[in-house]
């Protein structure tokens, strides 16, 4: 189960960087900070569990929505496939 959280965390960081290239919003910088904090505190079990269970899925859902918006903007002819 821990490997799933780690994979999702690194995927979140990759998506955050892609989003920050296109959009420079404060919310995305905060998300990237939370994700970096999650990597740093991964050894502390209680704080890591809190971040992995509460924050990472919430950030992931928002980032996937933002990434799909970016993909639709750049590849408008593939809109049906992206959905």
PDB file of N, CA and C in Angstrom:
ATOM      1  N   UNK A   1       0.817  -1.190   0.000  1.00  0.00           N
ATOM      2  CA  UNK A   1       0.000   0.000   0.000  1.00  0.00           C
ATOM      3  C   UNK A   1       0.866   1.261   0.000  1.00  0.00           C
ATOM      4  N   UNK A   2       1.998   1.192   0.679  1.00  0.00           N
ATOM      5  CA  UNK A   2       2.875   2.354   0.746  1.00  0.00           C
ATOM      6  C   UNK A   2       3.430   2.703  -0.631  1.00  0.00           C
ATOM      7  N   UNK A   3       3.682   1.697  -1.460  1.00  0.00           N
ATOM      8  CA  UNK A   3       4.198   1.954  -2.799  1.00  0.00           C
ATOM      9  C   UNK A   3       3.161   2.660  -3.668  1.00  0.00           C
ATOM     10  N   UNK A   4       1.885   2.395  -3.408  1.00  0.00           N
ATOM     11  CA  UNK A   4       0.817   3.082  -4.141  1.00  0.00           C
ATOM     12  C   UNK A   4       0.822   4.561  -3.795  1.00  0.00           C
ATOM     13  N   UNK A   5       0.946   4.872  -2.514  1.00  0.00           N
ATOM     14  CA  UNK A   5       1.004   6.270  -2.097  1.00  0.00           C
ATOM     15  C   UNK A   5       2.233   6.971  -2.672  1.00  0.00           C
ATOM     16  N   UNK A   6       3.368   6.273  -2.694  1.00  0.00           N
ATOM     17  CA  UNK A   6       4.578   6.868  -3.245  1.00  0.00           C
ATOM     18  C   UNK A   6       4.434   7.114  -4.744  1.00  0.00           C
ATOM     19  N   UNK A   7       3.857   6.153  -5.455  1.00  0.00           N
ATOM     20  CA  UNK A   7       3.649   6.328  -6.894  1.00  0.00           C
ATOM     21  C   UNK A   7       2.703   7.489  -7.166  1.00  0.00           C
ATOM     22  N   UNK A   8       1.629   7.584  -6.388  1.00  0.00           N
ATOM     23  CA  UNK A   8       0.685   8.682  -6.552  1.00  0.00           C
ATOM     24  C   UNK A   8       1.342  10.013  -6.199  1.00  0.00           C
ATOM     25  N   UNK A   9       2.193  10.020  -5.204  1.00  0.00           N
ATOM     26  CA  UNK A   9       2.891  11.243  -4.805  1.00  0.00           C
ATOM     27  C   UNK A   9       3.803  11.735  -5.924  1.00  0.00           C
ATOM     28  N   UNK A  10       4.588  10.838  -6.498  1.00  0.00           N
ATOM     29  CA  UNK A  10       5.498  11.246  -7.572  1.00  0.00           C
ATOM     30  C   UNK A  10       4.741  11.621  -8.841  1.00  0.00           C
ATOM     31  N   UNK A  11       3.634  10.952  -9.107  1.00  0.00           N
ATOM     32  CA  UNK A  11       2.790  11.329 -10.236  1.00  0.00           C
ATOM     33  C   UNK A  11       2.187  12.715  -9.999  1.00  0.00           C
ATOM     34  N   UNK A  12       1.771  12.990  -8.778  1.00  0.00           N
ATOM     35  CA  UNK A  12       1.264  14.323  -8.414  1.00  0.00           C
ATOM     36  C   UNK A  12       2.313  15.400  -8.627  1.00  0.00           C
ATOM     37  N   UNK A  13       3.546  15.122  -8.238  1.00  0.00           N
ATOM     38  CA  UNK A  13       4.618  16.104  -8.416  1.00  0.00           C
ATOM     39  C   UNK A  13       4.854  16.366  -9.897  1.00  0.00           C
ATOM     40  N   UNK A  14       4.849  15.328 -10.712  1.00  0.00           N
ATOM     41  CA  UNK A  14       5.017  15.498 -12.155  1.00  0.00           C
ATOM     42  C   UNK A  14       3.890  16.334 -12.751  1.00  0.00           C
ATOM     43  N   UNK A  15       2.663  16.035 -12.369  1.00  0.00           N
ATOM     44  CA  UNK A  15       1.517  16.802 -12.859  1.00  0.00           C
ATOM     45  C   UNK A  15       1.598  18.246 -12.379  1.00  0.00           C
ATOM     46  N   UNK A  16       2.029  18.464 -11.142  1.00  0.00           N
ATOM     47  CA  UNK A  16       2.146  19.828 -10.605  1.00  0.00           C
ATOM     48  C   UNK A  16       3.144  20.642 -11.406  1.00  0.00           C
ATOM     49  N   UNK A  17       4.250  20.031 -11.789  1.00  0.00           N
ATOM     50  CA  UNK A  17       5.242  20.749 -12.579  1.00  0.00           C
ATOM     51  C   UNK A  17       4.691  21.081 -13.956  1.00  0.00           C
ATOM     52  N   UNK A  18       3.974  20.148 -14.580  1.00  0.00           N
ATOM     53  CA  UNK A  18       3.365  20.397 -15.897  1.00  0.00           C
ATOM     54  C   UNK A  18       2.355  21.533 -15.805  1.00  0.00           C
ATOM     55  N   UNK A  19       1.549  21.523 -14.767  1.00  0.00           N
ATOM     56  CA  UNK A  19       0.543  22.579 -14.594  1.00  0.00           C
ATOM     57  C   UNK A  19       1.218  23.925 -14.338  1.00  0.00           C
ATOM     58  N   UNK A  20       2.285  23.934 -13.554  1.00  0.00           N
ATOM     59  CA  UNK A  20       2.973  25.195 -13.262  1.00  0.00           C
ATOM     60  C   UNK A  20       3.646  25.782 -14.497  1.00  0.00           C
ATOM     61  N   UNK A  21       3.991  24.952 -15.459  1.00  0.00           N
ATOM     62  CA  UNK A  21       4.552  25.463 -16.709  1.00  0.00           C
ATOM     63  C   UNK A  21       3.496  26.266 -17.456  1.00  0.00           C
ATOM     64  N   UNK A  22       2.245  25.805 -17.428  1.00  0.00           N
ATOM     65  CA  UNK A  22       1.160  26.456 -18.167  1.00  0.00           C
ATOM     66  C   UNK A  22       0.430  27.514 -17.355  1.00  0.00           C
ATOM     67  N   UNK A  23       0.181  27.243 -16.089  1.00  0.00           N
ATOM     68  CA  UNK A  23      -0.514  28.183 -15.216  1.00  0.00           C
ATOM     69  C   UNK A  23       0.397  28.509 -14.051  1.00  0.00           C
ATOM     70  N   UNK A  24       0.391  29.747 -13.624  1.00  0.00           N
ATOM     71  CA  UNK A  24       1.226  30.157 -12.496  1.00  0.00           C
ATOM     72  C   UNK A  24       0.328  30.669 -11.379  1.00  0.00           C
ATOM     73  N   UNK A  25      -0.517  29.791 -10.864  1.00  0.00           N
ATOM     74  CA  UNK A  25      -1.441  30.207  -9.812  1.00  0.00           C
ATOM     75  C   UNK A  25      -0.854  29.884  -8.436  1.00  0.00           C
ATOM     76  N   UNK A  26      -1.309  30.613  -7.454  1.00  0.00           N
ATOM     77  CA  UNK A  26      -0.858  30.407  -6.078  1.00  0.00           C
ATOM     78  C   UNK A  26      -1.282  29.026  -5.589  1.00  0.00           C
ATOM     79  N   UNK A  27      -2.467  28.603  -5.967  1.00  0.00           N
ATOM     80  CA  UNK A  27      -2.975  27.290  -5.545  1.00  0.00           C
ATOM     81  C   UNK A  27      -2.039  26.171  -5.997  1.00  0.00           C
ATOM     82  N   UNK A  28      -1.533  26.255  -7.215  1.00  0.00           N
ATOM     83  CA  UNK A  28      -0.639  25.220  -7.714  1.00  0.00           C
ATOM     84  C   UNK A  28       0.716  25.248  -7.012  1.00  0.00           C
ATOM     85  N   UNK A  29       1.187  26.433  -6.634  1.00  0.00           N
ATOM     86  CA  UNK A  29       2.422  26.519  -5.847  1.00  0.00           C
ATOM     87  C   UNK A  29       2.214  25.916  -4.454  1.00  0.00           C
ATOM     88  N   UNK A  30       1.042  26.134  -3.874  1.00  0.00           N
ATOM     89  CA  UNK A  30       0.732  25.548  -2.565  1.00  0.00           C
ATOM     90  C   UNK A  30       0.687  24.027  -2.676  1.00  0.00           C
ATOM     91  N   UNK A  31       0.062  23.532  -3.747  1.00  0.00           N
ATOM     92  CA  UNK A  31       0.016  22.080  -3.965  1.00  0.00           C
ATOM     93  C   UNK A  31       1.424  21.505  -4.083  1.00  0.00           C
ATOM     94  N   UNK A  32       2.281  22.171  -4.834  1.00  0.00           N
ATOM     95  CA  UNK A  32       3.649  21.688  -4.996  1.00  0.00           C
ATOM     96  C   UNK A  32       4.379  21.714  -3.651  1.00  0.00           C
ATOM     97  N   UNK A  33       4.128  22.726  -2.831  1.00  0.00           N
ATOM     98  CA  UNK A  33       4.724  22.782  -1.500  1.00  0.00           C
ATOM     99  C   UNK A  33       4.255  21.647  -0.607  1.00  0.00           C
ATOM    100  N   UNK A  34       2.971  21.344  -0.657  1.00  0.00           N
ATOM    101  CA  UNK A  34       2.431  20.230   0.140  1.00  0.00           C
ATOM    102  C   UNK A  34       3.032  18.910  -0.326  1.00  0.00           C
ATOM    103  N   UNK A  35       3.174  18.743  -1.642  1.00  0.00           N
ATOM    104  CA  UNK A  35       3.757  17.514  -2.177  1.00  0.00           C
ATOM    105  C   UNK A  35       5.225  17.380  -1.785  1.00  0.00           C
ATOM    106  N   UNK A  36       5.953  18.486  -1.817  1.00  0.00           N
ATOM    107  CA  UNK A  36       7.356  18.459  -1.382  1.00  0.00           C
ATOM    108  C   UNK A  36       7.437  18.146   0.112  1.00  0.00           C
ATOM    109  N   UNK A  37       6.538  18.711   0.893  1.00  0.00           N
ATOM    110  CA  UNK A  37       6.486  18.416   2.321  1.00  0.00           C
ATOM    111  C   UNK A  37       6.191  16.938   2.557  1.00  0.00           C
ATOM    112  N   UNK A  38       5.333  16.362   1.733  1.00  0.00           N
ATOM    113  CA  UNK A  38       5.003  14.940   1.871  1.00  0.00           C
ATOM    114  C   UNK A  38       6.234  14.070   1.634  1.00  0.00           C
ATOM    115  N   UNK A  39       7.074  14.466   0.698  1.00  0.00           N
ATOM    116  CA  UNK A  39       8.304  13.704   0.439  1.00  0.00           C
ATOM    117  C   UNK A  39       9.259  13.840   1.621  1.00  0.00           C
ATOM    118  N   UNK A  40       9.360  15.038   2.167  1.00  0.00           N
ATOM    119  CA  UNK A  40      10.291  15.291   3.272  1.00  0.00           C
ATOM    120  C   UNK A  40       9.870  14.550   4.537  1.00  0.00           C
ATOM    121  N   UNK A  41       8.584  14.533   4.853  1.00  0.00           N
ATOM    122  CA  UNK A  41       8.127  13.917   6.104  1.00  0.00           C
ATOM    123  C   UNK A  41       7.687  12.460   5.922  1.00  0.00           C
ATOM    124  N   UNK A  42       8.089  11.839   4.853  1.00  0.00           N
ATOM    125  CA  UNK A  42       7.657  10.467   4.608  1.00  0.00           C
ATOM    126  C   UNK A  42       8.152   9.489   5.671  1.00  0.00           C
ATOM    127  N   UNK A  43       9.172   9.845   6.413  1.00  0.00           N
ATOM    128  CA  UNK A  43       9.676   8.972   7.484  1.00  0.00           C
ATOM    129  C   UNK A  43       8.852   9.073   8.762  1.00  0.00           C
ATOM    130  N   UNK A  44       8.185  10.214   8.983  1.00  0.00           N
ATOM    131  CA  UNK A  44       7.339  10.396  10.159  1.00  0.00           C
ATOM    132  C   UNK A  44       5.970   9.791   9.862  1.00  0.00           C
ATOM    133  N   UNK A  45       5.627   8.713  10.534  1.00  0.00           N
ATOM    134  CA  UNK A  45       4.445   7.932  10.196  1.00  0.00           C
ATOM    135  C   UNK A  45       3.140   8.706  10.368  1.00  0.00           C
ATOM    136  N   UNK A  46       2.968   9.423  11.456  1.00  0.00           N
ATOM    137  CA  UNK A  46       1.695  10.112  11.716  1.00  0.00           C
ATOM    138  C   UNK A  46       1.446  11.248  10.738  1.00  0.00           C
ATOM    139  N   UNK A  47       2.433  12.092  10.540  1.00  0.00           N
ATOM    140  CA  UNK A  47       2.261  13.212   9.618  1.00  0.00           C
ATOM    141  C   UNK A  47       2.124  12.694   8.193  1.00  0.00           C
ATOM    142  N   UNK A  48       2.906  11.677   7.857  1.00  0.00           N
ATOM    143  CA  UNK A  48       2.844  11.096   6.517  1.00  0.00           C
ATOM    144  C   UNK A  48       1.465  10.493   6.239  1.00  0.00           C
ATOM    145  N   UNK A  49       0.895   9.814   7.209  1.00  0.00           N
ATOM    146  CA  UNK A  49      -0.438   9.240   7.037  1.00  0.00           C
ATOM    147  C   UNK A  49      -1.481  10.326   6.837  1.00  0.00           C
ATOM    148  N   UNK A  50      -1.391  11.387   7.595  1.00  0.00           N
ATOM    149  CA  UNK A  50      -2.334  12.492   7.457  1.00  0.00           C
ATOM    150  C   UNK A  50      -2.269  13.083   6.051  1.00  0.00           C
ATOM    151  N   UNK A  51      -1.068  13.344   5.581  1.00  0.00           N
ATOM    152  CA  UNK A  51      -0.915  13.918   4.249  1.00  0.00           C
ATOM    153  C   UNK A  51      -1.354  12.930   3.177  1.00  0.00           C
ATOM    154  N   UNK A  52      -0.949  11.669   3.298  1.00  0.00           N
ATOM    155  CA  UNK A  52      -1.271  10.666   2.278  1.00  0.00           C
ATOM    156  C   UNK A  52      -2.751  10.339   2.204  1.00  0.00           C
ATOM    157  N   UNK A  53      -3.438  10.372   3.319  1.00  0.00           N
ATOM    158  CA  UNK A  53      -4.848   9.986   3.322  1.00  0.00           C
ATOM    159  C   UNK A  53      -5.771  11.163   3.030  1.00  0.00           C
ATOM    160  N   UNK A  54      -5.430  12.337   3.519  1.00  0.00           N
ATOM    161  CA  UNK A  54      -6.331  13.480   3.387  1.00  0.00           C
ATOM    162  C   UNK A  54      -5.971  14.372   2.201  1.00  0.00           C
ATOM    163  N   UNK A  55      -4.729  14.795   2.120  1.00  0.00           N
ATOM    164  CA  UNK A  55      -4.371  15.832   1.158  1.00  0.00           C
ATOM    165  C   UNK A  55      -4.021  15.310  -0.236  1.00  0.00           C
ATOM    166  N   UNK A  56      -3.255  14.242  -0.320  1.00  0.00           N
ATOM    167  CA  UNK A  56      -2.782  13.766  -1.625  1.00  0.00           C
ATOM    168  C   UNK A  56      -3.936  13.395  -2.558  1.00  0.00           C
ATOM    169  N   UNK A  57      -4.953  12.645  -2.124  1.00  0.00           N
ATOM    170  CA  UNK A  57      -6.056  12.354  -3.052  1.00  0.00           C
ATOM    171  C   UNK A  57      -6.818  13.599  -3.497  1.00  0.00           C
ATOM    172  N   UNK A  58      -7.003  14.549  -2.593  1.00  0.00           N
ATOM    173  CA  UNK A  58      -7.700  15.781  -2.940  1.00  0.00           C
ATOM    174  C   UNK A  58      -6.904  16.574  -3.978  1.00  0.00           C
ATOM    175  N   UNK A  59      -5.606  16.667  -3.775  1.00  0.00           N
ATOM    176  CA  UNK A  59      -4.741  17.368  -4.721  1.00  0.00           C
ATOM    177  C   UNK A  59      -4.723  16.634  -6.052  1.00  0.00           C
ATOM    178  N   UNK A  60      -4.661  15.310  -6.007  1.00  0.00           N
ATOM    179  CA  UNK A  60      -4.614  14.510  -7.228  1.00  0.00           C
ATOM    180  C   UNK A  60      -5.838  14.737  -8.100  1.00  0.00           C
ATOM    181  N   UNK A  61      -7.012  14.744  -7.504  1.00  0.00           N
ATOM    182  CA  UNK A  61      -8.248  14.942  -8.264  1.00  0.00           C
ATOM    183  C   UNK A  61      -8.262  16.317  -8.918  1.00  0.00           C
ATOM    184  N   UNK A  62      -7.889  17.338  -8.185  1.00  0.00           N
ATOM    185  CA  UNK A  62      -7.867  18.693  -8.741  1.00  0.00           C
ATOM    186  C   UNK A  62      -6.832  18.818  -9.852  1.00  0.00           C
ATOM    187  N   UNK A  63      -5.673  18.199  -9.664  1.00  0.00           N
ATOM    188  CA  UNK A  63      -4.632  18.295 -10.671  1.00  0.00           C
ATOM    189  C   UNK A  63      -4.980  17.526 -11.942  1.00  0.00           C
ATOM    190  N   UNK A  64      -5.623  16.400 -11.818  1.00  0.00           N
ATOM    191  CA  UNK A  64      -6.032  15.651 -13.010  1.00  0.00           C
ATOM    192  C   UNK A  64      -7.053  16.458 -13.801  1.00  0.00           C
ATOM    193  N   UNK A  65      -7.950  17.138 -13.109  1.00  0.00           N
ATOM    194  CA  UNK A  65      -8.912  18.003 -13.796  1.00  0.00           C
ATOM    195  C   UNK A  65      -8.195  19.141 -14.518  1.00  0.00           C
ATOM    196  N   UNK A  66      -7.242  19.776 -13.858  1.00  0.00           N
ATOM    197  CA  UNK A  66      -6.484  20.855 -14.490  1.00  0.00           C
ATOM    198  C   UNK A  66      -5.654  20.347 -15.666  1.00  0.00           C
ATOM    199  N   UNK A  67      -5.060  19.166 -15.517  1.00  0.00           N
ATOM    200  CA  UNK A  67      -4.268  18.597 -16.606  1.00  0.00           C
ATOM    201  C   UNK A  67      -5.147  18.263 -17.807  1.00  0.00           C
ATOM    202  N   UNK A  68      -6.352  17.763 -17.554  1.00  0.00           N
ATOM    203  CA  UNK A  68      -7.255  17.481 -18.675  1.00  0.00           C
ATOM    204  C   UNK A  68      -7.663  18.776 -19.376  1.00  0.00           C
ATOM    205  N   UNK A  69      -7.843  19.853 -18.634  1.00  0.00           N
ATOM    206  CA  UNK A  69      -8.128  21.153 -19.249  1.00  0.00           C
ATOM    207  C   UNK A  69      -6.973  21.610 -20.141  1.00  0.00           C
ATOM    208  N   UNK A  70      -5.748  21.425 -19.674  1.00  0.00           N
ATOM    209  CA  UNK A  70      -4.575  21.796 -20.461  1.00  0.00           C
ATOM    210  C   UNK A  70      -4.495  20.957 -21.730  1.00  0.00           C
ATOM    211  N   UNK A  71      -4.723  19.654 -21.582  1.00  0.00           N
ATOM    212  CA  UNK A  71      -4.672  18.777 -22.759  1.00  0.00           C
ATOM    213  C   UNK A  71      -5.741  19.131 -23.774  1.00  0.00           C
ATOM    214  N   UNK A  72      -6.921  19.469 -23.308  1.00  0.00           N
ATOM    215  CA  UNK A  72      -8.009  19.851 -24.222  1.00  0.00           C
ATOM    216  C   UNK A  72      -7.672  21.156 -24.926  1.00  0.00           C
ATOM    217  N   UNK A  73      -7.050  22.083 -24.231  1.00  0.00           N
ATOM    218  CA  UNK A  73      -6.666  23.349 -24.866  1.00  0.00           C
ATOM    219  C   UNK A  73      -5.614  23.138 -25.945  1.00  0.00           C
ATOM    220  N   UNK A  74      -4.633  22.296 -25.666  1.00  0.00           N
ATOM    221  CA  UNK A  74      -3.533  22.109 -26.611  1.00  0.00           C
ATOM    222  C   UNK A  74      -3.851  21.098 -27.714  1.00  0.00           C
ATOM    223  N   UNK A  75      -4.705  20.144 -27.430  1.00  0.00           N
ATOM    224  CA  UNK A  75      -5.053  19.113 -28.398  1.00  0.00           C
ATOM    225  C   UNK A  75      -6.567  19.073 -28.569  1.00  0.00           C
ATOM    226  N   UNK A  76      -7.130  20.138 -29.078  1.00  0.00           N
ATOM    227  CA  UNK A  76      -8.593  20.269 -29.168  1.00  0.00           C
ATOM    228  C   UNK A  76      -9.217  19.222 -30.098  1.00  0.00           C
ATOM    229  N   UNK A  77      -8.466  18.723 -31.076  1.00  0.00           N
ATOM    230  CA  UNK A  77      -9.008  17.720 -31.968  1.00  0.00           C
ATOM    231  C   UNK A  77      -9.154  16.357 -31.294  1.00  0.00           C
ATOM    232  N   UNK A  78      -8.495  16.166 -30.145  1.00  0.00           N
ATOM    233  CA  UNK A  78      -8.583  14.894 -29.415  1.00  0.00           C
ATOM    234  C   UNK A  78      -9.471  14.992 -28.183  1.00  0.00           C
ATOM    235  N   UNK A  79     -10.376  15.965 -28.156  1.00  0.00           N
ATOM    236  CA  UNK A  79     -11.212  16.200 -26.984  1.00  0.00           C
ATOM    237  C   UNK A  79     -12.018  14.956 -26.601  1.00  0.00           C
ATOM    238  N   UNK A  80     -12.614  14.305 -27.573  1.00  0.00           N
ATOM    239  CA  UNK A  80     -13.417  13.130 -27.297  1.00  0.00           C
ATOM    240  C   UNK A  80     -12.566  12.011 -26.697  1.00  0.00           C
ATOM    241  N   UNK A  81     -11.368  11.823 -27.210  1.00  0.00           N
ATOM    242  CA  UNK A  81     -10.471  10.798 -26.694  1.00  0.00           C
ATOM    243  C   UNK A  81     -10.010  11.127 -25.277  1.00  0.00           C
ATOM    244  N   UNK A  82      -9.766  12.387 -25.003  1.00  0.00           N
ATOM    245  CA  UNK A  82      -9.309  12.791 -23.666  1.00  0.00           C
ATOM    246  C   UNK A  82     -10.401  12.549 -22.622  1.00  0.00           C
ATOM    247  N   UNK A  83     -11.660  12.832 -22.993  1.00  0.00           N
ATOM    248  CA  UNK A  83     -12.737  12.576 -22.063  1.00  0.00           C
ATOM    249  C   UNK A  83     -12.924  11.105 -21.853  1.00  0.00           C
TER     250      UNK A  83
END
